[in-house]
Structures are given as structure tokens and as C-alpha cells.
């Protein structure tokens, strides 16, 4: 997204940002970080590029690094629960689908999504760490 202006919106699911957000920001394009641990995720509060355009930084309580993939759903079918990430596979899938779908509905289709405005009683595990 930082290298290609054709990318209109982006989501990072518990990944590392190997390339920092450019000093000039993302030219107003929407970006959402969804992670499992607020200590592991950027941006630096002093980073003013974060203020360019719509941004959300969400964390999910009791999630782990793989919670945003199909691994927890498959593991659950075999009776495996990761003690380091006790959020169920079913619940992690529901949260991931809800927030990613809402994000792209809003920023690629132009359909407002109240789910992205702040905490939701339907998803108490989701914490809004930072938003612009």
C-alpha cells in the first residue's frame, strides 16, 4: 500500500509492519491494524503520519498471532486449544469476518459501517487502541 497508490484501503492482521508508514502518510487512504497484543503493534504515538486519513488500530482480547487465520477453527475441530490464545476459533473467525468485511464495505463500496466507529457490545473482545 505504501508503494502502490492504486491500493485504496489496507488491513494488517497481526502482522509486523516491516516498512514504516511513510512520513507523508498514505495519502489519505484508509488503513486498519488488527492485532492480538497492543505491546507488539505500532504506531508510535509521536508518529504524525498516522493522522493522515482514516485509521483504526484494534486489538482482540485473548487472541494470539494465528487467531486471524483458519488455524484456530481447524484446531478447534481436533479439540486443540492454544493456552496462549484462549479465544475460540469460532469467535476469532466471527470477529475477523465482521471487522474486515465492515472495513472493506466502508472503504471500497462506500457503505457506512457503525461497527468501525467504536466499541461494540456485540464484540466486547475488540479494543479500539487508536483511531484517526
C-alpha atoms as a PDB file:
ATOM      1  CA  UNK A   1       0.000   0.000   0.000  1.00  0.00           C
ATOM      2  CA  UNK A   2       2.881   2.358   0.769  1.00  0.00           C
ATOM      3  CA  UNK A   3       4.441   1.586  -2.618  1.00  0.00           C
ATOM      4  CA  UNK A   4       1.357   1.436  -4.838  1.00  0.00           C
ATOM      5  CA  UNK A   5      -1.180   4.295  -4.882  1.00  0.00           C
ATOM      6  CA  UNK A   6      -3.730   2.044  -6.618  1.00  0.00           C
ATOM      7  CA  UNK A   7      -4.321   0.236  -3.309  1.00  0.00           C
ATOM      8  CA  UNK A   8      -7.258   2.210  -1.872  1.00  0.00           C
ATOM      9  CA  UNK A   9      -7.511   0.555   1.548  1.00  0.00           C
ATOM     10  CA  UNK A  10      -5.498  -1.947   3.572  1.00  0.00           C
ATOM     11  CA  UNK A  11      -5.742  -4.214   6.613  1.00  0.00           C
ATOM     12  CA  UNK A  12      -2.917  -5.793   8.595  1.00  0.00           C
ATOM     13  CA  UNK A  13      -3.990  -8.832  10.652  1.00  0.00           C
ATOM     14  CA  UNK A  14      -1.484  -9.271  13.491  1.00  0.00           C
ATOM     15  CA  UNK A  15       1.459  -8.757  11.205  1.00  0.00           C
ATOM     16  CA  UNK A  16       4.638  -6.809  11.563  1.00  0.00           C
ATOM     17  CA  UNK A  17       4.935  -3.595   9.601  1.00  0.00           C
ATOM     18  CA  UNK A  18       8.317  -4.287   8.035  1.00  0.00           C
ATOM     19  CA  UNK A  19       8.149  -0.954   6.261  1.00  0.00           C
ATOM     20  CA  UNK A  20       7.257   2.021   8.423  1.00  0.00           C
ATOM     21  CA  UNK A  21       4.340   4.219   7.473  1.00  0.00           C
ATOM     22  CA  UNK A  22       5.889   6.821   5.126  1.00  0.00           C
ATOM     23  CA  UNK A  23       6.494  10.298   6.539  1.00  0.00           C
ATOM     24  CA  UNK A  24       3.910  11.672   4.132  1.00  0.00           C
ATOM     25  CA  UNK A  25       1.357   9.092   5.341  1.00  0.00           C
ATOM     26  CA  UNK A  26      -0.766   7.017   2.985  1.00  0.00           C
ATOM     27  CA  UNK A  27      -2.220   9.918   1.009  1.00  0.00           C
ATOM     28  CA  UNK A  28      -5.474   9.789   2.959  1.00  0.00           C
ATOM     29  CA  UNK A  29      -6.164   6.129   2.220  1.00  0.00           C
ATOM     30  CA  UNK A  30      -7.836   4.010   4.900  1.00  0.00           C
ATOM     31  CA  UNK A  31      -5.795   1.510   6.905  1.00  0.00           C
ATOM     32  CA  UNK A  32      -6.705  -0.800   9.788  1.00  0.00           C
ATOM     33  CA  UNK A  33      -4.415  -2.737  12.129  1.00  0.00           C
ATOM     34  CA  UNK A  34      -5.966  -5.686  13.966  1.00  0.00           C
ATOM     35  CA  UNK A  35      -3.749  -7.442  16.466  1.00  0.00           C
ATOM     36  CA  UNK A  36      -3.564  -9.653  19.492  1.00  0.00           C
ATOM     37  CA  UNK A  37      -1.221  -7.689  21.747  1.00  0.00           C
ATOM     38  CA  UNK A  38      -1.049  -3.901  21.923  1.00  0.00           C
ATOM     39  CA  UNK A  39       2.608  -4.048  23.031  1.00  0.00           C
ATOM     40  CA  UNK A  40       3.617  -5.580  19.701  1.00  0.00           C
ATOM     41  CA  UNK A  41       1.934  -3.159  17.361  1.00  0.00           C
ATOM     42  CA  UNK A  42       2.865   0.280  16.053  1.00  0.00           C
ATOM     43  CA  UNK A  43       2.341   3.159  15.556  1.00  0.00           C
ATOM     44  CA  UNK A  44       4.434   5.317  17.817  1.00  0.00           C
ATOM     45  CA  UNK A  45       2.162   7.928  19.448  1.00  0.00           C
ATOM     46  CA  UNK A  46       4.588  10.592  18.207  1.00  0.00           C
ATOM     47  CA  UNK A  47       4.199   9.447  14.572  1.00  0.00           C
ATOM     48  CA  UNK A  48       2.158  12.181  12.889  1.00  0.00           C
ATOM     49  CA  UNK A  49       1.845  10.217   9.630  1.00  0.00           C
ATOM     50  CA  UNK A  50      -0.732   8.078  11.448  1.00  0.00           C
ATOM     51  CA  UNK A  51      -3.040  11.105  11.389  1.00  0.00           C
ATOM     52  CA  UNK A  52      -3.212  11.160   7.577  1.00  0.00           C
ATOM     53  CA  UNK A  53      -6.541   9.665   6.518  1.00  0.00           C
ATOM     54  CA  UNK A  54      -8.819   7.189   8.260  1.00  0.00           C
ATOM     55  CA  UNK A  55      -7.051   4.732  10.562  1.00  0.00           C
ATOM     56  CA  UNK A  56      -8.081   2.196  13.167  1.00  0.00           C
ATOM     57  CA  UNK A  57      -5.845   0.149  15.428  1.00  0.00           C
ATOM     58  CA  UNK A  58      -7.778  -2.645  17.140  1.00  0.00           C
ATOM     59  CA  UNK A  59      -6.669  -5.407  19.457  1.00  0.00           C
ATOM     60  CA  UNK A  60      -8.620  -8.537  20.315  1.00  0.00           C
ATOM     61  CA  UNK A  61      -8.516  -9.764  23.903  1.00  0.00           C
ATOM     62  CA  UNK A  62      -7.441 -13.421  24.355  1.00  0.00           C
ATOM     63  CA  UNK A  63      -6.319 -13.669  20.714  1.00  0.00           C
ATOM     64  CA  UNK A  64      -2.952 -14.920  19.532  1.00  0.00           C
ATOM     65  CA  UNK A  65      -0.866 -14.418  16.427  1.00  0.00           C
ATOM     66  CA  UNK A  66      -2.716 -17.108  14.463  1.00  0.00           C
ATOM     67  CA  UNK A  67      -6.188 -16.094  15.677  1.00  0.00           C
ATOM     68  CA  UNK A  68      -6.876 -14.201  12.455  1.00  0.00           C
ATOM     69  CA  UNK A  69      -6.301 -17.221  10.200  1.00  0.00           C
ATOM     70  CA  UNK A  70      -8.143 -20.510   9.739  1.00  0.00           C
ATOM     71  CA  UNK A  71      -5.787 -22.282  12.183  1.00  0.00           C
ATOM     72  CA  UNK A  72      -7.939 -21.813  15.335  1.00  0.00           C
ATOM     73  CA  UNK A  73     -11.049 -23.051  13.502  1.00  0.00           C
ATOM     74  CA  UNK A  74      -9.252 -26.181  12.285  1.00  0.00           C
ATOM     75  CA  UNK A  75      -7.538 -26.771  15.640  1.00  0.00           C
ATOM     76  CA  UNK A  76     -10.879 -26.495  17.428  1.00  0.00           C
ATOM     77  CA  UNK A  77     -12.241 -29.330  15.279  1.00  0.00           C
ATOM     78  CA  UNK A  78      -9.453 -31.547  16.626  1.00  0.00           C
ATOM     79  CA  UNK A  79     -10.045 -30.488  20.221  1.00  0.00           C
ATOM     80  CA  UNK A  80      -6.908 -28.359  20.465  1.00  0.00           C
ATOM     81  CA  UNK A  81      -6.991 -25.043  22.299  1.00  0.00           C
ATOM     82  CA  UNK A  82      -3.940 -22.806  22.438  1.00  0.00           C
ATOM     83  CA  UNK A  83      -3.493 -21.868  26.118  1.00  0.00           C
ATOM     84  CA  UNK A  84      -1.675 -18.714  24.998  1.00  0.00           C
ATOM     85  CA  UNK A  85      -4.671 -17.683  22.864  1.00  0.00           C
ATOM     86  CA  UNK A  86      -7.851 -18.913  24.566  1.00  0.00           C
ATOM     87  CA  UNK A  87     -10.249 -17.110  22.193  1.00  0.00           C
ATOM     88  CA  UNK A  88     -12.161 -19.864  20.392  1.00  0.00           C
ATOM     89  CA  UNK A  89     -11.658 -20.443  16.696  1.00  0.00           C
ATOM     90  CA  UNK A  90     -15.325 -19.800  16.044  1.00  0.00           C
ATOM     91  CA  UNK A  91     -15.227 -16.481  17.881  1.00  0.00           C
ATOM     92  CA  UNK A  92     -11.967 -15.320  16.292  1.00  0.00           C
ATOM     93  CA  UNK A  93     -13.425 -16.097  12.872  1.00  0.00           C
ATOM     94  CA  UNK A  94     -16.619 -14.148  13.673  1.00  0.00           C
ATOM     95  CA  UNK A  95     -14.623 -11.113  14.806  1.00  0.00           C
ATOM     96  CA  UNK A  96     -12.215 -11.203  11.860  1.00  0.00           C
ATOM     97  CA  UNK A  97     -15.030 -11.542   9.334  1.00  0.00           C
ATOM     98  CA  UNK A  98     -17.117  -8.785  10.924  1.00  0.00           C
ATOM     99  CA  UNK A  99     -14.375  -6.152  11.102  1.00  0.00           C
ATOM    100  CA  UNK A 100     -12.628  -6.896   7.818  1.00  0.00           C
ATOM    101  CA  UNK A 101     -15.950  -7.019   5.947  1.00  0.00           C
ATOM    102  CA  UNK A 102     -17.090  -3.759   7.570  1.00  0.00           C
ATOM    103  CA  UNK A 103     -13.798  -2.076   6.699  1.00  0.00           C
ATOM    104  CA  UNK A 104     -13.920  -3.014   3.017  1.00  0.00           C
ATOM    105  CA  UNK A 105     -17.663  -2.295   2.750  1.00  0.00           C
ATOM    106  CA  UNK A 106     -16.995   1.211   4.008  1.00  0.00           C
ATOM    107  CA  UNK A 107     -13.799   1.987   2.104  1.00  0.00           C
ATOM    108  CA  UNK A 108     -14.248   0.134  -1.157  1.00  0.00           C
ATOM    109  CA  UNK A 109     -18.036   0.282  -1.534  1.00  0.00           C
ATOM    110  CA  UNK A 110     -18.773   3.494   0.346  1.00  0.00           C
ATOM    111  CA  UNK A 111     -21.332   1.933   2.706  1.00  0.00           C
ATOM    112  CA  UNK A 112     -21.001   3.449   6.218  1.00  0.00           C
ATOM    113  CA  UNK A 113     -20.285   0.855   8.911  1.00  0.00           C
ATOM    114  CA  UNK A 114     -21.090   1.870  12.521  1.00  0.00           C
ATOM    115  CA  UNK A 115     -19.083  -1.145  13.750  1.00  0.00           C
ATOM    116  CA  UNK A 116     -15.933   0.839  12.922  1.00  0.00           C
ATOM    117  CA  UNK A 117     -16.942   3.884  14.975  1.00  0.00           C
ATOM    118  CA  UNK A 118     -16.050   2.466  18.386  1.00  0.00           C
ATOM    119  CA  UNK A 119     -16.514  -0.409  20.819  1.00  0.00           C
ATOM    120  CA  UNK A 120     -19.462  -2.707  20.160  1.00  0.00           C
ATOM    121  CA  UNK A 121     -21.449  -4.722  22.731  1.00  0.00           C
ATOM    122  CA  UNK A 122     -21.597  -7.499  20.115  1.00  0.00           C
ATOM    123  CA  UNK A 123     -17.777  -7.724  20.135  1.00  0.00           C
ATOM    124  CA  UNK A 124     -16.585  -6.957  23.678  1.00  0.00           C
ATOM    125  CA  UNK A 125     -13.198  -8.572  22.958  1.00  0.00           C
ATOM    126  CA  UNK A 126     -12.329  -5.826  20.454  1.00  0.00           C
ATOM    127  CA  UNK A 127     -10.469  -2.865  21.946  1.00  0.00           C
ATOM    128  CA  UNK A 128     -10.100   0.374  19.980  1.00  0.00           C
ATOM    129  CA  UNK A 129      -6.476   1.257  20.762  1.00  0.00           C
ATOM    130  CA  UNK A 130      -6.213   4.253  18.488  1.00  0.00           C
ATOM    131  CA  UNK A 131      -8.295   5.842  15.793  1.00  0.00           C
ATOM    132  CA  UNK A 132      -7.991   8.811  13.464  1.00  0.00           C
END
